[in-house]
């Protein structure tokens, strides 16, 4: 898990270099990455028989989804809960966060 989170942090810091002005910005980015990781892991719905090794490997395959979700959450800082925005003739509408998670297919338990 730590390896994946470190790689995501490095890649997103490189992409957001012009927006990360101090340590608190980096800490906020770290928080968004961890939140995205936990959201994808929860949505994946790992079962009791899944080993930590399997989970880590599987989550690595979800890299692009976690990264996209973390970037989505970063871009919404200060605008959480906003459905649309209009200012000086500029209109802004956001996609749903769930649009990103649609590619995360959960494991199911057969009864």
Protein backbone atom coordinates (compact mmCIF):
# COMPACT_ATOMS: atom_id res chain seq x y z
CA UNK A 1 0.00 0.00 0.00
CA UNK A 2 2.73 2.48 0.96
CA UNK A 3 4.51 1.97 -2.36
CA UNK A 4 1.34 2.78 -4.30
CA UNK A 5 0.57 5.84 -2.17
CA UNK A 6 4.13 7.12 -2.57
CA UNK A 7 3.99 6.67 -6.34
CA UNK A 8 0.66 8.50 -6.52
CA UNK A 9 2.01 11.32 -4.35
CA UNK A 10 5.11 11.71 -6.55
CA UNK A 11 3.14 11.67 -9.79
CA UNK A 12 0.46 14.08 -8.60
CA UNK A 13 3.01 16.47 -7.09
CA UNK A 14 4.73 16.57 -10.49
CA UNK A 15 1.43 17.34 -12.22
CA UNK A 16 0.36 19.92 -9.65
CA UNK A 17 3.75 21.57 -9.10
CA UNK A 18 2.37 25.05 -9.87
CA UNK A 19 -0.44 24.59 -7.30
CA UNK A 20 1.57 23.18 -4.39
CA UNK A 21 2.99 26.21 -2.65
CA UNK A 22 3.78 24.88 0.83
CA UNK A 23 3.72 21.84 3.09
CA UNK A 24 0.04 22.27 3.93
CA UNK A 25 -0.83 21.99 0.22
CA UNK A 26 1.17 18.76 0.03
CA UNK A 27 -0.52 17.48 3.19
CA UNK A 28 -3.92 18.22 1.67
CA UNK A 29 -2.92 16.34 -1.49
CA UNK A 30 -1.80 13.39 0.65
CA UNK A 31 -5.20 13.42 2.33
CA UNK A 32 -7.00 13.40 -1.02
CA UNK A 33 -4.85 10.49 -2.24
CA UNK A 34 -5.51 8.44 0.89
CA UNK A 35 -9.23 9.20 0.66
CA UNK A 36 -9.34 8.09 -2.96
CA UNK A 37 -7.43 4.92 -2.07
CA UNK A 38 -9.86 4.09 0.73
CA UNK A 39 -12.89 4.81 -1.45
CA UNK A 40 -11.69 2.46 -4.20
CA UNK A 41 -10.73 -0.22 -1.67
CA UNK A 42 -14.14 -0.01 0.01
CA UNK A 43 -15.94 -0.08 -3.35
CA UNK A 44 -13.87 -3.12 -4.40
CA UNK A 45 -15.39 -4.97 -1.41
CA UNK A 46 -12.57 -7.42 -0.70
CA UNK A 47 -13.67 -10.65 0.94
CA UNK A 48 -12.21 -12.43 3.97
CA UNK A 49 -10.25 -14.90 1.85
CA UNK A 50 -8.36 -12.15 0.03
CA UNK A 51 -4.80 -11.89 1.31
CA UNK A 52 -3.08 -8.56 1.89
CA UNK A 53 -0.71 -9.45 -0.94
CA UNK A 54 -3.67 -9.95 -3.31
CA UNK A 55 -5.29 -6.70 -2.17
CA UNK A 56 -2.06 -4.73 -2.65
CA UNK A 57 -1.56 -6.19 -6.12
CA UNK A 58 -5.18 -5.59 -7.09
CA UNK A 59 -5.13 -2.02 -5.80
CA UNK A 60 -2.00 -1.39 -7.88
CA UNK A 61 -4.09 -2.29 -10.94
CA UNK A 62 -6.53 0.46 -9.83
CA UNK A 63 -3.77 3.10 -10.00
CA UNK A 64 -5.37 5.19 -12.76
CA UNK A 65 -8.77 5.22 -11.05
CA UNK A 66 -7.29 6.20 -7.68
CA UNK A 67 -5.22 8.92 -9.34
CA UNK A 68 -8.21 10.29 -11.25
CA UNK A 69 -10.34 10.27 -8.11
CA UNK A 70 -7.63 12.02 -6.07
CA UNK A 71 -7.29 14.67 -8.80
CA UNK A 72 -11.08 15.09 -8.88
CA UNK A 73 -11.13 15.59 -5.11
CA UNK A 74 -8.19 18.02 -5.30
CA UNK A 75 -9.96 20.09 -7.94
CA UNK A 76 -13.03 20.35 -5.71
CA UNK A 77 -11.22 21.83 -2.72
CA UNK A 78 -13.24 24.87 -1.72
CA UNK A 79 -16.16 23.88 -3.91
CA UNK A 80 -17.33 20.77 -2.09
CA UNK A 81 -21.02 20.15 -2.55
CA UNK A 82 -21.37 22.60 -5.42
CA UNK A 83 -23.51 21.27 -8.25
CA UNK A 84 -22.92 24.15 -10.63
CA UNK A 85 -21.23 27.52 -10.59
CA UNK A 86 -21.76 30.71 -12.57
CA UNK A 87 -19.63 33.81 -12.26
CA UNK A 88 -19.00 36.65 -14.73
CA UNK A 89 -20.62 34.74 -17.58
CA UNK A 90 -18.60 31.57 -16.94
CA UNK A 91 -20.63 28.47 -16.11
CA UNK A 92 -19.07 25.42 -14.50
CA UNK A 93 -20.71 22.05 -13.96
CA UNK A 94 -18.93 19.03 -12.47
CA UNK A 95 -19.26 15.38 -13.39
CA UNK A 96 -20.36 13.09 -10.62
CA UNK A 97 -17.64 11.49 -8.49
CA UNK A 98 -19.41 8.19 -9.15
CA UNK A 99 -18.61 8.51 -12.86
CA UNK A 100 -15.00 7.73 -11.96
CA UNK A 101 -15.94 4.81 -9.72
CA UNK A 102 -18.06 3.09 -12.35
CA UNK A 103 -15.00 1.09 -13.47
CA UNK A 104 -14.44 -0.34 -9.97
CA UNK A 105 -16.17 -3.71 -9.98
CA UNK A 106 -16.83 -5.05 -6.46
CA UNK A 107 -16.28 -8.62 -5.37
CA UNK A 108 -19.50 -10.34 -4.38
CA UNK A 109 -20.29 -12.99 -1.83
CA UNK A 110 -22.31 -15.95 -3.07
CA UNK A 111 -24.78 -17.23 -0.52
